[in-house]
Amino acid sequence: MTARYDLGNREGLPKYQYLHRCIRSDIRNGVLAAGSRLPAKRSLAAELEVSVSTIEHAYSLLVSEGYLEANPGSGFVVCPGKAEGTAFFDLGDVSIPEHTLHGKLLDFKANRCSLELFPLDAWSRLMRQVLSERDPAMLETVPFNGLYELRKAIAFHLYESKGIRVSPSRIIVGAGTEYLYGKLLQLLGDQRIIAIEDPGYKKFADVSRSYRTYWDYIPLDKQGLSVEALMKSRADVVHVSPANHFPTGVIMSSGRRRELLSWLSGKPDRYIIEDDYDSEIRYGGRAPAPLVTQDETQRVIYLNTFSKTLVPSLRIAYMVLPEALMDLYRNQLSFYSCTVSSFEQSTLAKFISEGYFERHINRLRRHYKHQRQLVLDALGQSKLALISEVFGGEVGTHFILKIATNCSDKEVKRLAAEKGVSLDMLSDYCVHPSAKSSHCVVVNFASIPTDHISVAIDLLEIIFQREILAHQHD
């Protein structure tokens, strides 16, 4: 076997890719018959005088394409039905950079912006500037609601970008939205019943359980959260993401916004928590005005974070409280210390006020608008177009891919895992899954490097090859 694999004649190909092609060719041509056991990774690596990781990469590709099966205890075995002339899907001659092959081939679950787009040089320069100023305030206890400089910069940003007029005194800075959400639940009291979207971000429900707060789950339709269902619920507080619902991508319609604000004014003790997560990255059209700008009752709580637009490790989020709630927070919860360091807060304040943040957001928009179109174009030109439909994606870095399949969502995820692909399904975010939420892949395209897009689509084709073949034969 190894005599045929002369790695010295690979014509510039990476070693793992050349080896992958050689073994694939032998399987196609019947040289390696179905059921044949391939050499152990370490022994083959020793024979070919290459690293074990090179063998792992080649074998992983062959497993993802369905040529090999990894059996615990017996190594890698050739799968049946891969001889020349048999209908199958594979990755052809697509080159996958080696770093994508450690662990998973591709991760569609990662809902984050590329770390390569973060302006690290500018951030580092501003951080050094903060340290060089030797301000004694940097060594003192941070005010409970955050540094004034940062709250002032956030207030300026909110007005310039979203038309939200707010005093810095009504802004509270904290280490992530989950932390602030916990403080908000304490503020509202454990007698409240809070409505949340279904499907939705389940971590908030986890936070609520830790505070023994009760939830009602409210379904969505194409216009957003169902206010009709909300009216029938026991809730007096509702959590919504009107600008960009995750994971459906639904943007709440203007009519539904009016209905929701009408619900708010129906009773004096009702509140709306407006979660504006991931709303900055918008690809066209005018963004609807945030609910907080249309609130005449002063009972909309605005929540947002910098973790998605900057880097996940920068755990800085903020909320804007109505004046009455801010007074209550100051009286009841101001003994809690601010959970974000003064150095990071001061750096972020400069990052915003000196225009770096706005330029960074504009760069993200341009990059992901291009990236999103490349992914949609690749889908449209692939065999997946025969069995799928795209929903959402006008804001943020994800969309829904509805697949015509009879497989359960659990089975789809199992097939994906076997091919080295990590997937989330829409039903994973549902408390009450339905037929509408089934067979929907949540595609987080920000996690797919631009030069990997064709590989990503090829891998999805492999996962749904049975459905594609069935459609072609109809």
Protein backbone atom coordinates (compact mmCIF):
# COMPACT_ATOMS: atom_id res chain seq x y z
CA MET A 1 0.00 0.00 0.00
CA THR A 2 2.57 2.54 1.07
CA ALA A 3 4.81 1.92 -1.95
CA ARG A 4 2.21 3.63 -4.14
CA TYR A 5 2.10 6.71 -1.94
CA ASP A 6 5.25 8.55 -2.94
CA LEU A 7 4.94 11.78 -1.01
CA GLY A 8 7.93 13.17 -2.86
CA ASN A 9 5.82 13.46 -6.04
CA ARG A 10 2.86 15.29 -4.59
CA GLU A 11 3.33 18.36 -6.88
CA GLY A 12 3.05 20.97 -4.17
CA LEU A 13 -0.03 19.55 -2.46
CA PRO A 14 -0.05 19.33 1.35
CA LYS A 15 0.98 15.87 2.48
CA TYR A 16 -2.37 15.07 4.09
CA GLN A 17 -4.27 16.09 0.94
CA TYR A 18 -2.04 14.05 -1.38
CA LEU A 19 -2.39 11.01 0.88
CA HIS A 20 -6.16 11.53 1.00
CA ARG A 21 -6.32 11.51 -2.81
CA CYS A 22 -4.16 8.39 -3.08
CA ILE A 23 -6.26 6.36 -0.65
CA ARG A 24 -9.50 7.65 -2.17
CA SER A 25 -8.31 6.61 -5.63
CA ASP A 26 -7.46 3.12 -4.38
CA ILE A 27 -10.91 2.77 -2.82
CA ARG A 28 -12.68 4.00 -5.96
CA ASN A 29 -10.69 1.63 -8.18
CA GLY A 30 -11.22 -1.39 -5.95
CA VAL A 31 -7.59 -1.69 -4.90
CA LEU A 32 -8.82 -1.31 -1.33
CA ALA A 33 -11.95 -3.44 -1.09
CA ALA A 34 -14.92 -2.82 1.18
CA GLY A 35 -14.11 -4.03 4.66
CA SER A 36 -10.37 -3.59 4.21
CA ARG A 37 -8.62 -2.35 7.34
CA LEU A 38 -6.21 0.53 6.90
CA PRO A 39 -2.93 0.70 8.79
CA ALA A 40 -2.97 2.27 12.23
CA LYS A 41 -2.17 5.98 12.16
CA ARG A 42 1.11 5.66 14.02
CA SER A 43 2.42 2.75 11.95
CA LEU A 44 1.52 4.44 8.64
CA ALA A 45 3.08 7.69 9.82
CA ALA A 46 6.29 5.81 10.64
CA GLU A 47 6.36 4.07 7.24
CA LEU A 48 5.78 7.30 5.31
CA GLU A 49 8.01 9.32 7.63
CA VAL A 50 5.33 11.94 8.29
CA SER A 51 3.62 13.19 11.43
CA VAL A 52 0.68 11.33 12.95
CA SER A 53 -1.43 14.48 12.47
CA THR A 54 -0.89 14.21 8.70
CA ILE A 55 -2.41 10.72 8.76
CA GLU A 56 -5.21 11.91 11.06
CA HIS A 57 -6.09 14.71 8.63
CA ALA A 58 -6.21 12.39 5.63
CA TYR A 59 -8.26 9.75 7.46
CA SER A 60 -10.63 12.41 8.84
CA LEU A 61 -11.36 13.68 5.33
CA LEU A 62 -12.06 10.15 4.10
CA VAL A 63 -14.38 9.53 7.04
CA SER A 64 -16.24 12.80 6.38
CA GLU A 65 -16.71 11.77 2.72
CA GLY A 66 -17.98 8.33 3.66
CA TYR A 67 -15.02 6.34 2.30
CA LEU A 68 -13.83 5.15 5.70
CA GLU A 69 -15.54 4.18 8.90
CA ALA A 70 -13.83 4.65 12.25
CA ASN A 71 -14.52 1.63 14.44
CA PRO A 72 -13.32 1.78 18.06
CA GLY A 73 -10.85 -1.00 18.66
CA SER A 74 -10.45 -1.99 15.02
CA GLY A 75 -9.27 1.27 13.44
CA PHE A 76 -10.35 2.58 10.04
CA VAL A 77 -12.24 0.30 7.64
CA VAL A 78 -13.23 0.91 3.99
CA CYS A 79 -16.97 1.47 3.63
CA PRO A 80 -18.97 -0.53 1.07
CA GLY A 81 -20.32 1.00 -2.14
CA LYS A 82 -17.40 3.30 -2.94
CA ALA A 83 -16.08 1.58 -6.05
CA GLU A 84 -16.02 3.48 -9.38
CA GLY A 85 -19.50 4.07 -10.79
CA THR A 86 -21.33 4.10 -7.48
CA ALA A 87 -23.32 7.29 -6.78
CA PHE A 88 -21.77 9.21 -3.93
CA PHE A 89 -20.70 12.62 -2.77
CA ASP A 90 -17.20 13.69 -1.79
CA LEU A 91 -15.11 16.81 -1.34
CA GLY A 92 -13.37 16.38 -4.68
CA ASP A 93 -10.13 18.31 -4.85
CA VAL A 94 -11.10 21.07 -2.46
CA SER A 95 -8.19 22.02 -0.26
CA ILE A 96 -9.01 22.43 3.42
CA PRO A 97 -6.44 24.36 5.46
CA GLU A 98 -5.00 22.03 8.09
CA HIS A 99 -6.07 24.01 11.13
CA THR A 100 -9.73 23.32 10.36
CA LEU A 101 -9.19 19.62 10.76
CA HIS A 102 -8.40 19.56 14.46
CA GLY A 103 -11.46 18.16 16.20
CA LYS A 104 -14.37 19.28 14.02
CA LEU A 105 -14.00 19.98 10.31
CA LEU A 106 -16.47 22.85 10.55
CA ASP A 107 -18.44 24.49 13.34
CA PHE A 108 -21.72 26.08 12.24
CA LYS A 109 -22.72 26.61 15.88
CA ALA A 110 -20.17 29.29 16.74
CA ASN A 111 -22.18 32.54 16.82
CA ARG A 112 -19.31 35.00 16.98
CA CYS A 113 -17.51 37.44 14.74
CA SER A 114 -14.09 36.58 13.39
CA LEU A 115 -11.37 37.45 15.90
CA GLU A 116 -9.18 38.45 12.94
CA LEU A 117 -11.43 41.48 12.36
CA PHE A 118 -10.87 42.86 15.85
CA PRO A 119 -8.63 46.00 15.67
CA LEU A 120 -6.12 44.64 18.14
CA ASP A 121 -3.44 47.23 17.33
CA ALA A 122 -5.78 50.13 18.06
CA TRP A 123 -7.09 48.46 21.23
CA SER A 124 -3.56 47.74 22.48
CA ARG A 125 -2.50 51.32 21.78
CA LEU A 126 -5.46 52.72 23.72
CA MET A 127 -4.83 50.31 26.59
CA ARG A 128 -1.19 51.46 26.80
CA GLN A 129 -2.40 55.07 26.75
CA VAL A 130 -4.74 54.38 29.68
CA LEU A 131 -1.88 52.81 31.65
CA SER A 132 0.54 55.62 30.81
CA GLU A 133 -1.83 58.28 32.13
CA ARG A 134 -1.39 56.86 35.64
CA ASP A 135 -4.79 58.12 36.70
CA PRO A 136 -5.26 57.29 40.43
CA ALA A 137 -8.95 56.66 39.70
CA MET A 138 -7.92 53.52 37.79
CA LEU A 139 -6.78 52.00 41.09
CA GLU A 140 -9.89 52.90 43.06
CA THR A 141 -13.17 51.04 43.39
CA VAL A 142 -15.27 51.41 40.25
CA PRO A 143 -18.70 53.05 40.79
CA PHE A 144 -21.49 50.45 41.01
CA ASN A 145 -22.87 51.48 37.60
CA GLY A 146 -19.51 51.76 35.81
CA LEU A 147 -17.04 54.52 34.97
CA TYR A 148 -18.71 57.79 34.03
CA GLU A 149 -16.46 58.11 30.96
CA LEU A 150 -17.74 54.82 29.56
CA ARG A 151 -21.37 55.54 30.37
CA LYS A 152 -21.03 58.93 28.68
CA ALA A 153 -19.48 57.30 25.58
CA ILE A 154 -22.27 54.69 25.47
CA ALA A 155 -24.93 57.40 25.76
CA PHE A 156 -23.31 59.26 22.84
CA HIS A 157 -23.14 56.06 20.77
CA LEU A 158 -26.79 55.21 21.45
CA TYR A 159 -27.94 58.64 20.32
CA GLU A 160 -25.75 58.79 17.22
CA SER A 161 -26.45 55.24 16.01
CA LYS A 162 -29.98 54.50 17.24
CA GLY A 163 -31.57 57.81 18.21
CA ILE A 164 -31.83 56.79 21.86
CA ARG A 165 -31.62 59.82 24.16
CA VAL A 166 -30.40 58.75 27.58
CA SER A 167 -28.51 60.26 30.46
CA PRO A 168 -25.32 58.42 31.52
CA SER A 169 -26.87 58.25 35.01
CA ARG A 170 -29.41 55.71 33.72
CA ILE A 171 -26.79 53.31 32.30
CA ILE A 172 -25.42 50.34 34.25
CA VAL A 173 -22.29 48.53 33.01
CA GLY A 174 -21.67 44.89 33.91
CA ALA A 175 -19.71 41.77 32.94
CA GLY A 176 -22.05 40.29 30.34
CA THR A 177 -25.78 40.24 29.73
CA GLU A 178 -26.33 37.21 31.98
CA TYR A 179 -24.90 39.11 34.96
CA LEU A 180 -27.02 42.19 34.25
CA TYR A 181 -30.06 40.00 33.70
CA GLY A 182 -29.59 38.52 37.15
CA LYS A 183 -29.43 41.98 38.70
CA LEU A 184 -32.56 42.93 36.77
CA LEU A 185 -34.44 39.90 38.10
CA GLN A 186 -33.44 40.89 41.63
CA LEU A 187 -34.66 44.41 40.97
CA LEU A 188 -38.03 43.34 39.57
CA GLY A 189 -38.63 40.84 42.39
CA ASP A 190 -39.32 37.10 42.45
CA GLN A 191 -43.07 37.56 42.27
CA ARG A 192 -42.84 38.55 38.64
CA ILE A 193 -43.72 36.25 35.76
CA ILE A 194 -41.57 36.96 32.73
CA ALA A 195 -42.50 36.06 29.16
CA ILE A 196 -39.78 34.99 26.77
CA GLU A 197 -39.80 34.15 23.08
CA ASP A 198 -40.04 30.51 22.01
CA PRO A 199 -37.76 29.70 20.23
CA GLY A 200 -35.24 31.89 21.98
CA TYR A 201 -32.02 32.24 23.95
CA LYS A 202 -32.37 29.61 26.66
CA LYS A 203 -29.58 30.90 28.88
CA PHE A 204 -31.84 33.67 30.17
CA ALA A 205 -34.31 31.03 31.31
CA ASP A 206 -31.43 29.28 33.10
CA VAL A 207 -30.57 32.55 34.86
CA SER A 208 -34.19 33.02 35.87
CA ARG A 209 -34.40 29.57 37.40
CA SER A 210 -31.42 30.38 39.59
CA TYR A 211 -33.40 33.36 40.92
CA ARG A 212 -36.60 31.30 41.21
CA THR A 213 -38.40 33.52 38.74
CA TYR A 214 -41.24 32.04 36.69
CA TRP A 215 -41.41 32.11 32.90
CA ASP A 216 -44.14 31.94 30.29
CA TYR A 217 -43.01 30.96 26.80
CA ILE A 218 -44.59 32.94 23.96
CA PRO A 219 -44.52 31.73 20.33
CA LEU A 220 -43.33 33.80 17.37
CA ASP A 221 -44.67 34.24 13.88
CA LYS A 222 -43.30 36.09 10.85
CA GLN A 223 -43.97 39.47 12.51
CA GLY A 224 -42.32 38.66 15.83
CA LEU A 225 -43.54 37.71 19.29
CA SER A 226 -47.26 36.97 19.38
CA VAL A 227 -48.86 39.76 21.42
CA GLU A 228 -52.16 37.85 21.29
CA ALA A 229 -50.49 34.94 23.12
CA LEU A 230 -48.78 37.41 25.47
CA MET A 231 -52.15 38.92 26.40
CA LYS A 232 -53.38 35.45 27.39
CA SER A 233 -50.31 34.74 29.53
CA ARG A 234 -49.75 35.56 33.20
CA ALA A 235 -46.69 37.66 32.43
CA ASP A 236 -46.22 41.29 33.42
CA VAL A 237 -42.66 41.48 32.02
CA VAL A 238 -41.67 40.39 28.52
CA HIS A 239 -38.22 39.81 27.02
CA VAL A 240 -38.05 40.53 23.28
CA SER A 241 -35.42 40.94 20.55
CA PRO A 242 -37.30 43.11 18.04
CA ALA A 243 -34.32 44.19 15.90
CA ASN A 244 -32.94 40.70 15.25
CA HIS A 245 -34.43 37.67 16.94
CA PHE A 246 -32.03 34.83 17.59
CA PRO A 247 -32.15 32.24 16.17
CA THR A 248 -35.00 32.84 13.68
CA GLY A 249 -33.72 36.19 12.37
CA VAL A 250 -37.26 37.63 12.51
CA ILE A 251 -37.41 41.44 12.61
CA MET A 252 -40.49 42.61 14.49
CA SER A 253 -42.92 44.46 12.22
CA SER A 254 -44.01 48.03 12.95
CA GLY A 255 -47.57 46.84 13.55
CA ARG A 256 -46.44 44.24 16.07
CA ARG A 257 -44.31 46.87 17.83
CA ARG A 258 -47.39 49.06 18.25
CA GLU A 259 -49.32 46.10 19.65
CA LEU A 260 -46.54 45.36 22.13
CA LEU A 261 -46.36 48.98 23.31
CA SER A 262 -50.15 48.95 23.66
CA TRP A 263 -49.83 45.86 25.89
CA LEU A 264 -47.23 47.72 27.95
CA SER A 265 -49.54 50.66 28.60
CA GLY A 266 -52.42 48.35 29.55
CA LYS A 267 -51.27 48.01 33.18
CA PRO A 268 -48.99 50.23 35.27
CA ASP A 269 -46.69 47.45 36.52
CA ARG A 270 -45.72 45.99 33.12
CA TYR A 271 -42.22 46.17 31.65
CA ILE A 272 -40.51 45.31 28.36
CA ILE A 273 -36.90 44.13 28.30
CA GLU A 274 -35.62 45.11 24.86
CA ASP A 275 -32.62 42.92 24.05
CA ASP A 276 -30.82 44.64 21.16
CA TYR A 277 -28.21 41.89 20.74
CA ASP A 278 -26.43 41.72 17.37
CA SER A 279 -28.49 44.52 15.84
CA GLU A 280 -25.50 46.62 14.72
CA ILE A 281 -24.63 44.35 11.79
CA ARG A 282 -27.37 45.20 9.30
CA TYR A 283 -27.07 44.66 5.54
CA GLY A 284 -29.57 47.03 4.02
CA GLY A 285 -32.63 49.16 4.59
CA ARG A 286 -33.36 51.49 7.45
CA ALA A 287 -33.31 49.96 10.92
CA PRO A 288 -36.61 50.26 12.80
CA ALA A 289 -36.50 52.61 15.75
CA PRO A 290 -35.84 50.76 19.03
CA LEU A 291 -38.86 50.27 21.27
CA VAL A 292 -37.24 52.39 23.97
CA THR A 293 -37.44 55.45 21.68
CA GLN A 294 -41.20 54.96 21.23
CA ASP A 295 -42.01 54.29 24.88
CA GLU A 296 -44.21 57.00 26.42
CA THR A 297 -44.65 55.07 29.67
CA GLN A 298 -40.94 54.95 30.65
CA ARG A 299 -41.13 51.19 31.18
CA VAL A 300 -38.85 49.78 28.48
CA ILE A 301 -35.51 48.41 29.73
CA TYR A 302 -32.80 48.44 27.05
CA LEU A 303 -30.09 45.75 27.08
CA ASN A 304 -27.02 45.33 24.83
CA THR A 305 -23.47 43.96 24.82
CA PHE A 306 -20.08 44.53 23.20
CA SER A 307 -19.18 40.82 23.30
CA LYS A 308 -20.46 40.07 19.79
CA THR A 309 -19.13 43.14 17.97
CA LEU A 310 -15.73 43.12 19.69
CA VAL A 311 -14.43 39.88 21.24
CA PRO A 312 -16.16 37.34 23.53
CA SER A 313 -13.51 37.69 26.22
CA LEU A 314 -14.38 41.38 26.61
CA ARG A 315 -17.28 40.77 28.95
CA ILE A 316 -18.82 44.24 28.85
CA ALA A 317 -22.57 44.70 28.55
CA TYR A 318 -24.89 47.47 29.65
CA MET A 319 -28.52 48.21 30.36
CA VAL A 320 -30.51 51.41 30.32
CA LEU A 321 -33.10 51.62 33.06
CA PRO A 322 -36.14 53.90 33.22
CA GLU A 323 -35.69 56.65 35.82
CA ALA A 324 -37.97 55.02 38.40
CA LEU A 325 -36.18 51.68 38.15
CA MET A 326 -32.79 53.40 38.26
CA ASP A 327 -33.76 55.06 41.55
CA LEU A 328 -34.88 51.67 42.87
CA TYR A 329 -31.62 50.04 41.73
CA ARG A 330 -29.58 52.80 43.38
CA ASN A 331 -31.46 52.31 46.66
CA GLN A 332 -31.53 48.52 46.71
CA LEU A 333 -28.61 47.12 44.66
CA SER A 334 -25.90 49.77 44.46
CA PHE A 335 -23.94 47.92 47.16
CA TYR A 336 -22.89 45.48 44.41
CA SER A 337 -19.53 46.43 42.92
CA CYS A 338 -19.16 46.90 39.18
CA THR A 339 -17.83 43.65 37.70
CA VAL A 340 -15.72 45.15 34.87
CA SER A 341 -12.18 46.41 35.50
CA SER A 342 -11.54 50.14 35.28
CA PHE A 343 -8.75 49.59 32.73
CA GLU A 344 -11.04 47.82 30.25
CA GLN A 345 -13.82 50.35 30.82
CA SER A 346 -11.51 53.30 30.24
CA THR A 347 -10.06 51.70 27.10
CA LEU A 348 -13.54 51.02 25.71
CA ALA A 349 -14.59 54.59 26.49
CA LYS A 350 -11.70 55.90 24.37
CA PHE A 351 -12.41 53.27 21.69
CA ILE A 352 -15.96 54.61 21.33
CA SER A 353 -15.39 58.32 21.79
CA GLU A 354 -12.43 58.49 19.38
CA GLY A 355 -14.42 56.84 16.58
CA TYR A 356 -12.76 53.42 16.52
CA PHE A 357 -15.96 51.56 17.40
CA GLU A 358 -18.00 53.15 14.60
CA ARG A 359 -15.28 52.37 12.06
CA HIS A 360 -15.07 48.81 13.36
CA ILE A 361 -18.84 48.30 13.02
CA ASN A 362 -18.74 49.64 9.45
CA ARG A 363 -15.93 47.22 8.66
CA LEU A 364 -17.91 44.31 10.13
CA ARG A 365 -20.95 45.25 8.06
CA ARG A 366 -18.95 45.34 4.82
CA HIS A 367 -17.16 42.10 5.58
CA TYR A 368 -20.21 40.09 6.62
CA LYS A 369 -22.41 41.48 3.87
CA HIS A 370 -19.86 40.10 1.41
CA GLN A 371 -19.48 36.88 3.40
CA ARG A 372 -23.24 36.35 3.63
CA GLN A 373 -23.64 36.83 -0.12
CA LEU A 374 -20.84 34.37 -0.86
CA VAL A 375 -22.54 31.74 1.32
CA LEU A 376 -25.95 32.38 -0.25
CA ASP A 377 -24.45 32.23 -3.76
CA ALA A 378 -22.68 28.98 -2.94
CA LEU A 379 -25.92 27.52 -1.59
CA GLY A 380 -27.83 28.65 -4.68
CA GLN A 381 -25.33 26.97 -6.99
CA SER A 382 -25.15 23.74 -4.97
CA LYS A 383 -27.33 20.65 -4.99
CA LEU A 384 -28.70 21.80 -1.64
CA ALA A 385 -30.75 24.39 -3.54
CA LEU A 386 -32.94 21.49 -4.71
CA ILE A 387 -34.08 20.66 -1.18
CA SER A 388 -33.66 23.84 0.88
CA GLU A 389 -34.91 27.37 1.50
CA VAL A 390 -33.26 30.29 3.31
CA PHE A 391 -35.02 32.41 5.94
CA GLY A 392 -33.75 35.49 7.78
CA GLY A 393 -30.23 36.84 7.62
CA GLU A 394 -30.96 40.53 6.97
CA VAL A 395 -29.37 41.41 10.32
CA GLY A 396 -26.64 39.66 12.28
CA THR A 397 -24.45 36.77 11.23
CA HIS A 398 -26.82 33.82 10.94
CA PHE A 399 -29.78 32.58 8.93
CA ILE A 400 -32.10 29.56 8.87
CA LEU A 401 -31.72 26.85 6.24
CA LYS A 402 -34.95 24.84 5.96
CA ILE A 403 -34.22 21.35 4.57
CA ALA A 404 -36.74 19.02 2.94
CA THR A 405 -35.86 15.84 4.82
CA ASN A 406 -37.66 13.07 6.66
CA CYS A 407 -34.80 12.72 9.15
CA SER A 408 -35.41 13.92 12.67
CA ASP A 409 -33.35 16.86 13.86
CA LYS A 410 -31.52 14.50 16.22
CA GLU A 411 -30.63 12.26 13.30
CA VAL A 412 -29.42 15.22 11.22
CA LYS A 413 -27.10 16.29 14.04
CA ARG A 414 -25.81 12.72 14.39
CA LEU A 415 -25.06 12.49 10.66
CA ALA A 416 -23.34 15.87 10.81
CA ALA A 417 -21.21 14.84 13.77
CA GLU A 418 -20.10 11.73 11.89
CA LYS A 419 -18.86 13.99 9.09
CA GLY A 420 -17.02 16.26 11.49
CA VAL A 421 -19.60 19.07 11.37
CA SER A 422 -21.09 20.73 14.44
CA LEU A 423 -24.67 21.89 13.86
CA ASP A 424 -27.45 23.56 15.79
CA MET A 425 -31.05 23.07 14.73
CA LEU A 426 -33.84 25.58 15.30
CA SER A 427 -35.58 23.01 17.50
CA ASP A 428 -32.59 23.16 19.88
CA TYR A 429 -33.82 26.63 20.86
CA CYS A 430 -37.48 25.63 21.25
CA VAL A 431 -39.19 24.74 24.49
CA HIS A 432 -42.15 23.48 22.48
CA PRO A 433 -40.79 22.22 19.11
CA SER A 434 -43.28 22.03 16.26
CA ALA A 435 -43.37 20.95 12.64
CA LYS A 436 -42.44 24.52 11.65
CA SER A 437 -39.28 24.42 13.74
CA SER A 438 -38.17 21.00 12.50
CA HIS A 439 -35.57 20.39 9.77
CA CYS A 440 -34.14 23.91 10.12
CA VAL A 441 -30.36 24.32 10.35
CA VAL A 442 -29.09 27.45 12.11
CA VAL A 443 -26.22 28.60 9.87
CA ASN A 444 -23.83 30.93 11.68
CA PHE A 445 -21.87 32.08 8.64
CA ALA A 446 -19.53 34.33 10.61
CA SER A 447 -17.82 31.18 11.87
CA ILE A 448 -17.00 30.05 8.32
CA PRO A 449 -13.76 31.54 6.96
CA THR A 450 -14.27 32.94 3.46
CA ASP A 451 -11.85 30.48 1.88
CA HIS A 452 -13.72 27.56 3.51
CA ILE A 453 -17.19 28.37 2.17
CA SER A 454 -17.10 25.86 -0.70
CA VAL A 455 -15.95 23.16 1.70
CA ALA A 456 -18.73 24.06 4.13
CA ILE A 457 -21.38 23.70 1.44
CA ASP A 458 -19.81 20.45 0.21
CA LEU A 459 -20.00 19.03 3.72
CA LEU A 460 -23.67 20.01 4.02
CA GLU A 461 -24.29 18.26 0.69
CA ILE A 462 -22.69 15.11 2.07
CA ILE A 463 -24.90 15.24 5.17
CA PHE A 464 -28.05 15.52 3.04
CA GLN A 465 -26.87 13.38 0.11
CA ARG A 466 -29.78 10.92 0.51
CA GLU A 467 -32.37 13.68 0.15
CA ILE A 468 -30.54 15.22 -2.82
CA LEU A 469 -30.31 11.87 -4.64
CA ALA A 470 -33.98 11.15 -3.96
CA HIS A 471 -34.96 14.53 -5.39
CA GLN A 472 -32.81 13.97 -8.49
CA HIS A 473 -34.45 10.61 -9.11
CA ASP A 474 -38.01 11.97 -8.84
